[in-house]
């Protein structure tokens, strides 16, 4: 059985070697184990098979957990590695300024408030060293035009900023949705919510993620 699965793995990766065209599915299967600890390549293949067959069945991991594919297109795959979307990893494809395929990897972890992170890799899963994205600081979440006194109140009452990250490969857009309301005390949230943006949006231009107008 294992030999059969290895043959399938080889067939899955063969088009990449022949044509040079990477798909999100191939990227997921070939991702380093550090990105998906406890989830072997064969398990990832099973997860893909289940999703494509319309099944919501989960796959057991070596860390005594479960995982499954939630979304799949040629350019994008989202994997759940903890129940109820408590931990998800998105593997999406983009082009750099040289028209080479890169991998956009977005992770979201419930802490319990959702907190996201972004990393970029080349098509061989080597981390990109360039400065392509700067995670926003708390001050970046304060709306333009907010009075200085209100901005100072936000900076004094809110200890840090967390947000859920989502990348849309069709528009090359990264959207950060804040989760302040999930970890701030209700009275603090009511004081600062009108001064904070409801989302921050960034556009990939082939070299870096460029901030767009905040909401």
N, C-alpha and C. Protein backbone atom coordinates (compact mmCIF):
# COMPACT_ATOMS: atom_id res chain seq x y z
N UNK A 1 0.84 -1.21 0.00
CA UNK A 1 0.00 0.00 0.00
C UNK A 1 0.87 1.26 0.00
N UNK A 2 1.93 1.25 0.85
CA UNK A 2 2.81 2.40 0.90
C UNK A 2 3.49 2.64 -0.43
N UNK A 3 3.90 1.54 -1.09
CA UNK A 3 4.54 1.67 -2.39
C UNK A 3 3.59 2.33 -3.38
N UNK A 4 2.32 1.93 -3.33
CA UNK A 4 1.32 2.51 -4.22
C UNK A 4 1.17 4.00 -3.97
N UNK A 5 1.17 4.39 -2.69
CA UNK A 5 1.02 5.80 -2.36
C UNK A 5 2.23 6.61 -2.81
N UNK A 6 3.41 6.02 -2.70
CA UNK A 6 4.61 6.72 -3.17
C UNK A 6 4.58 6.91 -4.67
N UNK A 7 4.03 5.94 -5.38
CA UNK A 7 3.89 6.08 -6.82
C UNK A 7 2.95 7.24 -7.14
N UNK A 8 1.84 7.33 -6.38
CA UNK A 8 0.91 8.44 -6.59
C UNK A 8 1.56 9.77 -6.29
N UNK A 9 2.40 9.80 -5.22
CA UNK A 9 3.10 11.03 -4.88
C UNK A 9 4.02 11.45 -6.02
N UNK A 10 4.71 10.50 -6.60
CA UNK A 10 5.61 10.79 -7.72
C UNK A 10 4.84 11.33 -8.90
N UNK A 11 3.68 10.73 -9.18
CA UNK A 11 2.86 11.18 -10.30
C UNK A 11 2.33 12.59 -10.06
N UNK A 12 2.03 12.90 -8.79
CA UNK A 12 1.51 14.23 -8.46
C UNK A 12 2.56 15.29 -8.70
N UNK A 13 3.81 15.00 -8.36
CA UNK A 13 4.88 15.98 -8.48
C UNK A 13 5.52 15.98 -9.85
N UNK A 14 5.26 14.96 -10.66
CA UNK A 14 5.89 14.86 -11.97
C UNK A 14 5.55 16.04 -12.88
N UNK A 15 4.29 16.51 -12.95
CA UNK A 15 4.00 17.65 -13.82
C UNK A 15 4.82 18.88 -13.49
N UNK A 16 5.13 19.07 -12.20
CA UNK A 16 5.95 20.21 -11.81
C UNK A 16 7.34 20.10 -12.41
N UNK A 17 7.91 18.90 -12.37
CA UNK A 17 9.26 18.70 -12.89
C UNK A 17 9.29 18.86 -14.40
N UNK A 18 8.20 18.46 -15.07
CA UNK A 18 8.17 18.48 -16.52
C UNK A 18 7.85 19.87 -17.05
N UNK A 19 6.81 20.51 -16.51
CA UNK A 19 6.33 21.77 -17.08
C UNK A 19 6.79 23.01 -16.32
N UNK A 20 7.23 22.81 -15.07
CA UNK A 20 7.63 23.96 -14.26
C UNK A 20 6.46 24.71 -13.68
N UNK A 21 5.23 24.25 -13.91
CA UNK A 21 4.03 24.91 -13.39
C UNK A 21 3.66 24.31 -12.04
N UNK A 22 3.68 25.16 -11.03
CA UNK A 22 3.36 24.72 -9.68
C UNK A 22 1.90 24.97 -9.38
N UNK A 23 1.25 24.03 -8.70
CA UNK A 23 -0.10 24.22 -8.22
C UNK A 23 -0.08 24.25 -6.69
N UNK A 24 -1.13 24.79 -6.10
CA UNK A 24 -1.21 24.83 -4.65
C UNK A 24 -1.24 23.42 -4.08
N UNK A 25 -1.87 22.50 -4.77
CA UNK A 25 -1.93 21.11 -4.33
C UNK A 25 -0.53 20.52 -4.26
N UNK A 26 0.27 20.74 -5.27
CA UNK A 26 1.64 20.24 -5.27
C UNK A 26 2.47 20.89 -4.18
N UNK A 27 2.25 22.20 -4.00
CA UNK A 27 2.98 22.91 -2.96
C UNK A 27 2.66 22.36 -1.58
N UNK A 28 1.40 22.03 -1.33
CA UNK A 28 1.01 21.46 -0.05
C UNK A 28 1.69 20.13 0.19
N UNK A 29 1.66 19.26 -0.80
CA UNK A 29 2.26 17.93 -0.64
C UNK A 29 3.75 18.04 -0.39
N UNK A 30 4.40 19.00 -1.03
CA UNK A 30 5.85 19.12 -0.96
C UNK A 30 6.33 20.08 0.12
N UNK A 31 5.41 20.60 0.93
CA UNK A 31 5.78 21.56 1.98
C UNK A 31 6.68 20.90 3.02
N UNK A 32 7.58 21.67 3.64
CA UNK A 32 8.47 21.09 4.66
C UNK A 32 7.69 20.64 5.88
N UNK A 33 8.22 19.65 6.56
CA UNK A 33 7.54 19.10 7.73
C UNK A 33 7.43 20.12 8.86
N UNK A 34 8.31 21.12 8.87
CA UNK A 34 8.23 22.15 9.90
C UNK A 34 6.97 22.99 9.76
N UNK A 35 6.42 23.06 8.56
CA UNK A 35 5.20 23.83 8.33
C UNK A 35 3.96 23.03 8.73
N UNK A 36 4.03 21.72 8.53
CA UNK A 36 2.92 20.84 8.90
C UNK A 36 3.45 19.71 9.78
N UNK A 37 3.85 20.03 11.01
CA UNK A 37 4.43 19.01 11.88
C UNK A 37 3.44 17.88 12.16
N UNK A 38 3.92 16.66 12.04
CA UNK A 38 3.08 15.51 12.32
C UNK A 38 2.16 15.11 11.19
N UNK A 39 2.19 15.85 10.06
CA UNK A 39 1.33 15.51 8.93
C UNK A 39 2.22 15.12 7.75
N UNK A 40 2.34 13.82 7.51
CA UNK A 40 3.22 13.33 6.47
C UNK A 40 2.70 13.69 5.08
N UNK A 41 3.55 13.55 4.09
CA UNK A 41 3.12 13.80 2.72
C UNK A 41 1.98 12.87 2.31
N UNK A 42 2.07 11.63 2.73
CA UNK A 42 1.01 10.68 2.36
C UNK A 42 -0.32 11.07 3.01
N UNK A 43 -0.25 11.56 4.25
CA UNK A 43 -1.46 12.02 4.93
C UNK A 43 -2.05 13.22 4.20
N UNK A 44 -1.19 14.12 3.74
CA UNK A 44 -1.68 15.29 2.99
C UNK A 44 -2.37 14.85 1.70
N UNK A 45 -1.82 13.83 1.06
CA UNK A 45 -2.46 13.30 -0.14
C UNK A 45 -3.84 12.75 0.17
N UNK A 46 -3.94 12.03 1.31
CA UNK A 46 -5.25 11.52 1.73
C UNK A 46 -6.23 12.66 1.95
N UNK A 47 -5.77 13.71 2.61
CA UNK A 47 -6.62 14.87 2.88
C UNK A 47 -7.14 15.49 1.59
N UNK A 48 -6.27 15.61 0.61
CA UNK A 48 -6.67 16.14 -0.69
C UNK A 48 -7.69 15.23 -1.37
N UNK A 49 -7.44 13.92 -1.29
CA UNK A 49 -8.37 12.96 -1.89
C UNK A 49 -9.76 13.07 -1.25
N UNK A 50 -9.80 13.17 0.07
CA UNK A 50 -11.08 13.28 0.77
C UNK A 50 -11.83 14.53 0.33
N UNK A 51 -11.11 15.66 0.26
CA UNK A 51 -11.76 16.91 -0.12
C UNK A 51 -12.31 16.81 -1.53
N UNK A 52 -11.51 16.31 -2.45
CA UNK A 52 -11.94 16.25 -3.85
C UNK A 52 -13.09 15.27 -4.07
N UNK A 53 -13.25 14.32 -3.14
CA UNK A 53 -14.37 13.39 -3.24
C UNK A 53 -15.62 13.91 -2.55
N UNK A 54 -15.52 15.10 -1.94
CA UNK A 54 -16.67 15.69 -1.26
C UNK A 54 -16.83 15.28 0.18
N UNK A 55 -15.83 14.59 0.73
CA UNK A 55 -15.90 14.11 2.11
C UNK A 55 -15.35 15.14 3.08
N UNK A 56 -15.94 15.23 4.27
CA UNK A 56 -15.43 16.09 5.33
C UNK A 56 -14.61 15.30 6.34
N UNK A 57 -14.22 14.10 5.97
CA UNK A 57 -13.44 13.23 6.84
C UNK A 57 -12.10 13.87 7.17
N UNK A 58 -11.68 13.73 8.43
CA UNK A 58 -10.38 14.25 8.86
C UNK A 58 -9.34 13.13 8.82
N UNK A 59 -8.08 13.54 8.82
CA UNK A 59 -6.98 12.58 8.83
C UNK A 59 -6.21 12.72 10.15
N UNK A 60 -5.83 11.58 10.73
CA UNK A 60 -5.07 11.60 11.98
C UNK A 60 -3.64 12.04 11.72
N UNK A 61 -3.09 12.83 12.65
CA UNK A 61 -1.71 13.27 12.54
C UNK A 61 -0.86 12.51 13.56
N UNK A 62 0.44 12.63 13.42
CA UNK A 62 1.35 11.96 14.34
C UNK A 62 1.42 12.64 15.70
N UNK A 63 0.76 13.80 15.83
CA UNK A 63 0.73 14.53 17.10
C UNK A 63 -0.59 14.32 17.82
N UNK A 64 -1.27 13.23 17.45
CA UNK A 64 -2.55 12.84 18.07
C UNK A 64 -3.66 13.84 17.79
N UNK A 65 -3.53 14.57 16.71
CA UNK A 65 -4.57 15.50 16.30
C UNK A 65 -5.20 15.06 14.99
N UNK A 66 -5.95 15.96 14.38
CA UNK A 66 -6.57 15.68 13.09
C UNK A 66 -6.35 16.88 12.16
N UNK A 67 -6.47 16.63 10.88
CA UNK A 67 -6.30 17.69 9.89
C UNK A 67 -7.18 17.40 8.69
N UNK A 68 -7.53 18.44 7.96
CA UNK A 68 -8.31 18.27 6.73
C UNK A 68 -8.16 19.49 5.85
N UNK A 69 -8.46 19.32 4.57
CA UNK A 69 -8.46 20.42 3.62
C UNK A 69 -9.82 21.10 3.64
N UNK A 70 -9.82 22.43 3.73
CA UNK A 70 -11.06 23.19 3.77
C UNK A 70 -11.39 23.84 2.43
N UNK A 71 -10.36 24.25 1.68
CA UNK A 71 -10.54 24.91 0.39
C UNK A 71 -9.45 24.45 -0.56
N UNK A 72 -9.78 24.36 -1.85
CA UNK A 72 -8.78 23.95 -2.83
C UNK A 72 -9.11 24.50 -4.21
N UNK A 73 -8.16 25.24 -4.77
CA UNK A 73 -8.19 25.66 -6.17
C UNK A 73 -6.77 25.47 -6.69
N UNK A 74 -6.54 25.62 -7.98
CA UNK A 74 -5.16 25.49 -8.48
C UNK A 74 -4.18 26.45 -7.84
N UNK A 75 -4.67 27.62 -7.38
CA UNK A 75 -3.79 28.64 -6.81
C UNK A 75 -3.85 28.72 -5.29
N UNK A 76 -4.70 27.93 -4.65
CA UNK A 76 -4.93 28.15 -3.22
C UNK A 76 -5.42 26.88 -2.53
N UNK A 77 -4.88 26.62 -1.34
CA UNK A 77 -5.38 25.52 -0.52
C UNK A 77 -5.32 25.96 0.94
N UNK A 78 -6.38 25.66 1.67
CA UNK A 78 -6.46 26.00 3.10
C UNK A 78 -6.61 24.70 3.88
N UNK A 79 -5.76 24.54 4.89
CA UNK A 79 -5.74 23.32 5.69
C UNK A 79 -6.07 23.64 7.14
N UNK A 80 -6.95 22.85 7.72
CA UNK A 80 -7.28 22.97 9.14
C UNK A 80 -6.46 21.93 9.90
N UNK A 81 -5.68 22.38 10.89
CA UNK A 81 -4.87 21.45 11.66
C UNK A 81 -5.28 21.38 13.13
N UNK A 82 -6.38 22.02 13.47
CA UNK A 82 -7.01 21.89 14.77
C UNK A 82 -8.51 22.09 14.56
N UNK A 83 -9.31 21.34 15.30
CA UNK A 83 -10.76 21.33 15.07
C UNK A 83 -11.37 22.72 15.17
N UNK A 84 -12.48 22.89 14.43
CA UNK A 84 -13.26 24.13 14.45
C UNK A 84 -12.45 25.34 13.99
N UNK A 85 -11.52 25.10 13.05
CA UNK A 85 -10.69 26.17 12.48
C UNK A 85 -9.86 26.90 13.53
N UNK A 86 -9.51 26.21 14.59
CA UNK A 86 -8.70 26.84 15.63
C UNK A 86 -7.29 27.13 15.13
N UNK A 87 -6.80 26.30 14.21
CA UNK A 87 -5.50 26.53 13.57
C UNK A 87 -5.66 26.22 12.09
N UNK A 88 -5.35 27.18 11.23
CA UNK A 88 -5.41 26.95 9.80
C UNK A 88 -4.14 27.45 9.14
N UNK A 89 -3.80 26.83 8.03
CA UNK A 89 -2.66 27.26 7.22
C UNK A 89 -3.11 27.36 5.77
N UNK A 90 -2.86 28.50 5.16
CA UNK A 90 -3.20 28.73 3.76
C UNK A 90 -1.92 28.72 2.93
N UNK A 91 -1.94 27.95 1.85
CA UNK A 91 -0.82 27.91 0.90
C UNK A 91 -1.35 28.41 -0.44
N UNK A 92 -0.86 29.56 -0.87
CA UNK A 92 -1.35 30.18 -2.11
C UNK A 92 -0.17 30.54 -3.00
N UNK A 93 -0.45 30.74 -4.27
CA UNK A 93 0.59 31.04 -5.24
C UNK A 93 0.48 32.48 -5.73
N UNK A 94 1.63 33.08 -6.01
CA UNK A 94 1.70 34.44 -6.55
C UNK A 94 2.92 34.50 -7.47
N UNK A 95 3.05 35.61 -8.18
CA UNK A 95 4.20 35.83 -9.05
C UNK A 95 5.02 36.99 -8.51
N UNK A 96 6.35 36.86 -8.58
CA UNK A 96 7.18 37.99 -8.19
C UNK A 96 7.44 38.88 -9.40
N UNK A 97 8.25 39.90 -9.23
CA UNK A 97 8.49 40.85 -10.31
C UNK A 97 9.19 40.23 -11.50
N UNK A 98 9.83 39.07 -11.29
CA UNK A 98 10.49 38.36 -12.38
C UNK A 98 9.58 37.31 -13.01
N UNK A 99 8.31 37.30 -12.60
CA UNK A 99 7.31 36.35 -13.08
C UNK A 99 7.60 34.92 -12.65
N UNK A 100 8.37 34.78 -11.56
CA UNK A 100 8.59 33.46 -10.97
C UNK A 100 7.50 33.19 -9.94
N UNK A 101 7.10 31.93 -9.83
CA UNK A 101 6.08 31.57 -8.86
C UNK A 101 6.67 31.58 -7.45
N UNK A 102 5.96 32.22 -6.53
CA UNK A 102 6.32 32.17 -5.11
C UNK A 102 5.14 31.62 -4.33
N UNK A 103 5.42 31.20 -3.11
CA UNK A 103 4.39 30.61 -2.26
C UNK A 103 4.10 31.56 -1.11
N UNK A 104 2.83 31.93 -0.99
CA UNK A 104 2.37 32.78 0.11
C UNK A 104 1.77 31.86 1.17
N UNK A 105 2.37 31.86 2.33
CA UNK A 105 1.90 30.98 3.41
C UNK A 105 1.33 31.82 4.55
N UNK A 106 0.05 31.63 4.82
CA UNK A 106 -0.65 32.38 5.86
C UNK A 106 -1.11 31.41 6.94
N UNK A 107 -0.78 31.71 8.18
CA UNK A 107 -1.22 30.89 9.30
C UNK A 107 -2.07 31.72 10.24
N UNK A 108 -3.10 31.08 10.80
CA UNK A 108 -3.96 31.71 11.80
C UNK A 108 -4.13 30.75 12.96
N UNK A 109 -3.90 31.28 14.16
CA UNK A 109 -3.97 30.45 15.38
C UNK A 109 -4.87 31.15 16.39
N UNK A 110 -5.82 30.40 16.96
CA UNK A 110 -6.69 30.94 18.00
C UNK A 110 -5.93 30.94 19.33
N UNK A 111 -5.85 32.12 19.98
CA UNK A 111 -4.99 32.23 21.17
C UNK A 111 -5.65 32.51 22.52
N UNK A 112 -6.98 32.60 22.73
CA UNK A 112 -8.07 32.17 21.84
C UNK A 112 -8.46 33.16 20.75
N UNK A 113 -8.14 34.46 20.88
CA UNK A 113 -8.43 35.37 19.77
C UNK A 113 -7.55 34.98 18.58
N UNK A 114 -8.08 35.10 17.38
CA UNK A 114 -7.34 34.69 16.20
C UNK A 114 -6.16 35.64 15.95
N UNK A 115 -5.00 35.03 15.67
CA UNK A 115 -3.80 35.80 15.40
C UNK A 115 -3.11 35.21 14.18
N UNK A 116 -2.82 36.06 13.19
CA UNK A 116 -2.28 35.59 11.93
C UNK A 116 -0.82 35.96 11.72
N UNK A 117 -0.21 35.30 10.73
CA UNK A 117 1.16 35.57 10.35
C UNK A 117 1.33 35.24 8.88
N UNK A 118 2.33 35.84 8.26
CA UNK A 118 2.57 35.67 6.83
C UNK A 118 4.04 35.39 6.58
N UNK A 119 4.31 34.40 5.71
CA UNK A 119 5.67 34.11 5.26
C UNK A 119 5.64 33.81 3.77
N UNK A 120 6.71 34.18 3.09
CA UNK A 120 6.83 33.91 1.65
C UNK A 120 8.01 33.00 1.37
N UNK A 121 7.82 32.13 0.36
CA UNK A 121 8.85 31.16 -0.03
C UNK A 121 8.97 31.15 -1.54
N UNK A 122 10.12 30.67 -2.03
CA UNK A 122 10.21 30.43 -3.46
C UNK A 122 9.52 29.10 -3.78
N UNK A 123 9.52 28.70 -5.04
CA UNK A 123 8.77 27.51 -5.44
C UNK A 123 9.37 26.22 -4.89
N UNK A 124 10.59 26.29 -4.33
CA UNK A 124 11.22 25.12 -3.71
C UNK A 124 11.11 25.16 -2.18
N UNK A 125 10.28 26.04 -1.68
CA UNK A 125 10.04 26.20 -0.26
C UNK A 125 11.26 26.73 0.49
N UNK A 126 12.07 27.53 -0.20
CA UNK A 126 13.14 28.25 0.49
C UNK A 126 12.62 29.62 0.90
N UNK A 127 12.78 30.01 2.16
CA UNK A 127 12.24 31.29 2.62
C UNK A 127 12.82 32.46 1.84
N UNK A 128 11.98 33.42 1.51
CA UNK A 128 12.46 34.64 0.86
C UNK A 128 13.04 35.56 1.93
N UNK A 129 14.19 36.12 1.63
CA UNK A 129 14.89 36.93 2.62
C UNK A 129 14.56 38.42 2.51
N UNK A 130 14.00 38.82 1.39
CA UNK A 130 13.70 40.23 1.21
C UNK A 130 12.62 40.70 2.18
N UNK A 131 12.59 42.00 2.42
CA UNK A 131 11.53 42.57 3.25
C UNK A 131 10.30 42.79 2.37
N UNK A 132 9.35 41.90 2.46
CA UNK A 132 8.19 41.92 1.59
C UNK A 132 6.91 42.33 2.32
N UNK A 133 6.96 42.29 3.66
CA UNK A 133 5.76 42.64 4.42
C UNK A 133 6.15 43.01 5.85
N UNK A 134 5.61 44.10 6.32
CA UNK A 134 5.81 44.51 7.71
C UNK A 134 4.47 44.43 8.43
N UNK A 135 4.39 43.55 9.40
CA UNK A 135 3.14 43.41 10.15
C UNK A 135 2.80 44.74 10.81
N UNK A 136 1.55 45.17 10.75
CA UNK A 136 1.18 46.48 11.29
C UNK A 136 1.32 46.55 12.81
N UNK A 137 1.80 47.67 13.27
CA UNK A 137 1.85 47.94 14.70
C UNK A 137 0.49 48.49 15.14
N UNK A 138 0.31 48.63 16.43
CA UNK A 138 -0.96 49.13 16.94
C UNK A 138 -1.31 50.49 16.34
N UNK A 139 -0.34 51.38 16.20
CA UNK A 139 -0.61 52.71 15.67
C UNK A 139 -1.15 52.67 14.24
N UNK A 140 -0.80 51.62 13.50
CA UNK A 140 -1.27 51.50 12.12
C UNK A 140 -2.77 51.19 12.05
N UNK A 141 -3.33 50.71 13.15
CA UNK A 141 -4.76 50.38 13.18
C UNK A 141 -5.63 51.59 13.51
N UNK A 142 -5.03 52.66 13.98
CA UNK A 142 -5.81 53.84 14.33
C UNK A 142 -6.24 54.56 13.05
N UNK A 143 -7.51 54.88 12.95
CA UNK A 143 -8.05 55.50 11.75
C UNK A 143 -7.44 56.88 11.50
N UNK A 144 -7.34 57.21 10.23
CA UNK A 144 -6.89 58.54 9.87
C UNK A 144 -7.92 59.57 10.34
N UNK A 145 -7.46 60.67 10.86
CA UNK A 145 -8.37 61.72 11.29
C UNK A 145 -8.84 61.60 12.72
N UNK A 146 -8.47 60.53 13.39
CA UNK A 146 -8.87 60.38 14.79
C UNK A 146 -8.14 61.43 15.63
N UNK A 147 -8.84 62.12 16.52
CA UNK A 147 -8.20 63.14 17.36
C UNK A 147 -7.02 62.55 18.14
N UNK A 148 -6.01 63.36 18.37
CA UNK A 148 -4.81 62.88 19.05
C UNK A 148 -5.12 62.35 20.44
N UNK A 149 -6.09 62.97 21.10
CA UNK A 149 -6.44 62.50 22.45
C UNK A 149 -7.01 61.09 22.40
N UNK A 150 -7.84 60.81 21.38
CA UNK A 150 -8.40 59.46 21.23
C UNK A 150 -7.31 58.46 20.85
N UNK A 151 -6.38 58.89 20.00
CA UNK A 151 -5.28 58.01 19.61
C UNK A 151 -4.42 57.67 20.82
N UNK A 152 -4.17 58.65 21.67
CA UNK A 152 -3.38 58.39 22.87
C UNK A 152 -4.11 57.42 23.79
N UNK A 153 -5.44 57.53 23.85
CA UNK A 153 -6.22 56.62 24.69
C UNK A 153 -6.09 55.20 24.17
N UNK A 154 -6.15 55.02 22.85
CA UNK A 154 -5.99 53.69 22.26
C UNK A 154 -4.63 53.12 22.62
N UNK A 155 -3.59 53.92 22.45
CA UNK A 155 -2.23 53.44 22.72
C UNK A 155 -2.03 53.09 24.19
N UNK A 156 -2.77 53.74 25.07
CA UNK A 156 -2.62 53.47 26.50
C UNK A 156 -3.46 52.29 26.98
N UNK A 157 -4.57 52.03 26.28
CA UNK A 157 -5.48 50.98 26.74
C UNK A 157 -5.29 49.64 26.04
N UNK A 158 -4.80 49.66 24.81
CA UNK A 158 -4.66 48.42 24.03
C UNK A 158 -3.21 47.94 24.09
N UNK A 159 -2.96 46.74 24.62
CA UNK A 159 -1.58 46.29 24.81
C UNK A 159 -0.87 45.88 23.52
N UNK A 160 -1.61 45.34 22.57
CA UNK A 160 -1.02 44.87 21.31
C UNK A 160 -2.14 44.65 20.30
N UNK A 161 -1.75 44.43 19.05
CA UNK A 161 -2.73 44.22 17.99
C UNK A 161 -2.63 42.81 17.43
N UNK A 162 -3.78 42.16 17.28
CA UNK A 162 -3.83 40.85 16.64
C UNK A 162 -4.90 40.88 15.55
N UNK A 163 -4.73 40.05 14.53
CA UNK A 163 -5.68 40.05 13.42
C UNK A 163 -5.65 38.70 12.71
N UNK A 164 -6.76 38.39 12.07
CA UNK A 164 -6.83 37.21 11.23
C UNK A 164 -6.40 37.59 9.81
N UNK A 165 -5.53 36.78 9.21
CA UNK A 165 -4.98 37.06 7.89
C UNK A 165 -5.67 36.20 6.83
N UNK A 166 -5.96 36.81 5.69
CA UNK A 166 -6.51 36.07 4.55
C UNK A 166 -5.90 36.62 3.27
N UNK A 167 -5.39 35.72 2.42
CA UNK A 167 -4.82 36.14 1.14
C UNK A 167 -5.70 35.65 0.00
N UNK A 168 -6.03 36.55 -0.93
CA UNK A 168 -6.83 36.22 -2.10
C UNK A 168 -5.91 36.20 -3.32
N UNK A 169 -5.57 35.02 -3.84
CA UNK A 169 -4.63 34.95 -4.97
C UNK A 169 -5.20 35.53 -6.26
N UNK A 170 -6.52 35.58 -6.40
CA UNK A 170 -7.10 36.10 -7.64
C UNK A 170 -6.91 37.61 -7.75
N UNK A 171 -6.88 38.31 -6.62
CA UNK A 171 -6.69 39.76 -6.64
C UNK A 171 -5.34 40.17 -6.05
N UNK A 172 -4.53 39.17 -5.64
CA UNK A 172 -3.23 39.43 -5.02
C UNK A 172 -3.36 40.36 -3.82
N UNK A 173 -4.42 40.13 -3.03
CA UNK A 173 -4.75 41.02 -1.92
C UNK A 173 -4.68 40.29 -0.59
N UNK A 174 -4.02 40.90 0.36
CA UNK A 174 -3.94 40.39 1.73
C UNK A 174 -4.84 41.24 2.61
N UNK A 175 -5.74 40.60 3.33
CA UNK A 175 -6.68 41.32 4.20
C UNK A 175 -6.46 40.90 5.64
N UNK A 176 -6.31 41.89 6.51
CA UNK A 176 -6.16 41.65 7.94
C UNK A 176 -7.42 42.13 8.65
N UNK A 177 -8.09 41.22 9.32
CA UNK A 177 -9.31 41.55 10.07
C UNK A 177 -8.97 41.51 11.56
N UNK A 178 -9.08 42.63 12.26
CA UNK A 178 -8.64 42.67 13.66
C UNK A 178 -9.54 41.84 14.57
N UNK A 179 -8.95 41.36 15.66
CA UNK A 179 -9.70 40.55 16.63
C UNK A 179 -9.67 41.21 18.01
N UNK A 180 -9.55 42.54 18.03
CA UNK A 180 -9.52 43.28 19.30
C UNK A 180 -10.67 42.88 20.21
N UNK A 181 -11.87 42.79 19.63
CA UNK A 181 -13.07 42.55 20.44
C UNK A 181 -13.02 41.19 21.14
N UNK A 182 -12.16 40.29 20.65
CA UNK A 182 -12.09 38.94 21.23
C UNK A 182 -11.15 38.83 22.42
N UNK A 183 -10.29 39.85 22.64
CA UNK A 183 -9.38 39.74 23.77
C UNK A 183 -9.33 40.97 24.67
N UNK A 184 -9.95 42.06 24.23
CA UNK A 184 -10.00 43.23 25.10
C UNK A 184 -11.21 43.14 26.03
N UNK A 185 -11.10 43.62 27.27
CA UNK A 185 -12.28 43.70 28.13
C UNK A 185 -13.35 44.54 27.44
N UNK A 186 -14.60 44.22 27.70
CA UNK A 186 -15.70 44.88 26.99
C UNK A 186 -15.68 46.40 27.18
N UNK A 187 -15.37 46.85 28.40
CA UNK A 187 -15.38 48.29 28.65
C UNK A 187 -14.27 49.00 27.87
N UNK A 188 -13.12 48.33 27.73
CA UNK A 188 -12.02 48.90 26.96
C UNK A 188 -12.37 48.93 25.47
N UNK A 189 -12.93 47.84 25.01
CA UNK A 189 -13.31 47.77 23.59
C UNK A 189 -14.31 48.87 23.24
N UNK A 190 -15.28 49.10 24.11
CA UNK A 190 -16.28 50.13 23.83
C UNK A 190 -15.65 51.53 23.76
N UNK A 191 -14.56 51.74 24.48
CA UNK A 191 -13.90 53.04 24.47
C UNK A 191 -13.08 53.27 23.19
N UNK A 192 -12.52 52.19 22.64
CA UNK A 192 -11.55 52.37 21.55
C UNK A 192 -12.06 51.93 20.18
N UNK A 193 -13.19 51.23 20.12
CA UNK A 193 -13.58 50.62 18.85
C UNK A 193 -13.83 51.61 17.72
N UNK A 194 -14.33 52.80 18.04
CA UNK A 194 -14.61 53.78 16.99
C UNK A 194 -13.34 54.42 16.42
N UNK A 195 -12.23 54.22 17.10
CA UNK A 195 -10.96 54.80 16.65
C UNK A 195 -10.13 53.81 15.83
N UNK A 196 -10.56 52.56 15.77
CA UNK A 196 -9.77 51.51 15.12
C UNK A 196 -10.37 51.08 13.79
N UNK A 197 -9.52 50.78 12.82
CA UNK A 197 -9.97 50.32 11.50
C UNK A 197 -10.58 48.93 11.60
N UNK A 198 -11.56 48.68 10.74
CA UNK A 198 -12.21 47.38 10.71
C UNK A 198 -11.42 46.37 9.89
N UNK A 199 -10.44 46.83 9.11
CA UNK A 199 -9.59 45.94 8.32
C UNK A 199 -8.43 46.74 7.76
N UNK A 200 -7.32 46.05 7.50
CA UNK A 200 -6.20 46.62 6.77
C UNK A 200 -5.98 45.75 5.53
N UNK A 201 -5.76 46.40 4.40
CA UNK A 201 -5.65 45.68 3.13
C UNK A 201 -4.31 46.01 2.48
N UNK A 202 -3.68 44.97 1.93
CA UNK A 202 -2.38 45.13 1.27
C UNK A 202 -2.45 44.46 -0.11
N UNK A 203 -1.76 45.06 -1.06
CA UNK A 203 -1.73 44.54 -2.43
C UNK A 203 -0.32 44.07 -2.76
N UNK A 204 -0.20 42.85 -3.29
CA UNK A 204 1.10 42.32 -3.72
C UNK A 204 1.44 42.90 -5.09
N UNK A 205 2.59 43.56 -5.19
CA UNK A 205 2.99 44.18 -6.46
C UNK A 205 4.13 43.45 -7.17
N UNK A 206 4.43 42.26 -6.68
CA UNK A 206 5.52 41.48 -7.26
C UNK A 206 6.81 41.58 -6.46
N UNK A 207 6.88 42.58 -5.59
CA UNK A 207 8.07 42.76 -4.75
C UNK A 207 7.73 42.81 -3.26
N UNK A 208 6.58 43.38 -2.95
CA UNK A 208 6.19 43.50 -1.55
C UNK A 208 4.68 43.75 -1.46
N UNK A 209 4.16 43.67 -0.25
CA UNK A 209 2.77 43.97 -0.01
C UNK A 209 2.64 45.46 0.32
N UNK A 210 1.88 46.17 -0.49
CA UNK A 210 1.74 47.61 -0.38
C UNK A 210 0.42 47.94 0.33
N UNK A 211 0.44 48.73 1.41
CA UNK A 211 -0.79 49.09 2.10
C UNK A 211 -1.75 49.84 1.19
N UNK A 212 -3.02 49.48 1.30
CA UNK A 212 -4.08 50.18 0.58
C UNK A 212 -4.84 51.04 1.60
N UNK A 213 -5.83 51.75 1.16
CA UNK A 213 -6.59 52.61 2.08
C UNK A 213 -7.27 51.76 3.15
N UNK A 214 -7.06 52.12 4.40
CA UNK A 214 -7.66 51.37 5.51
C UNK A 214 -9.16 51.62 5.58
N UNK A 215 -9.87 50.61 6.13
CA UNK A 215 -11.31 50.74 6.29
C UNK A 215 -11.65 51.24 7.69
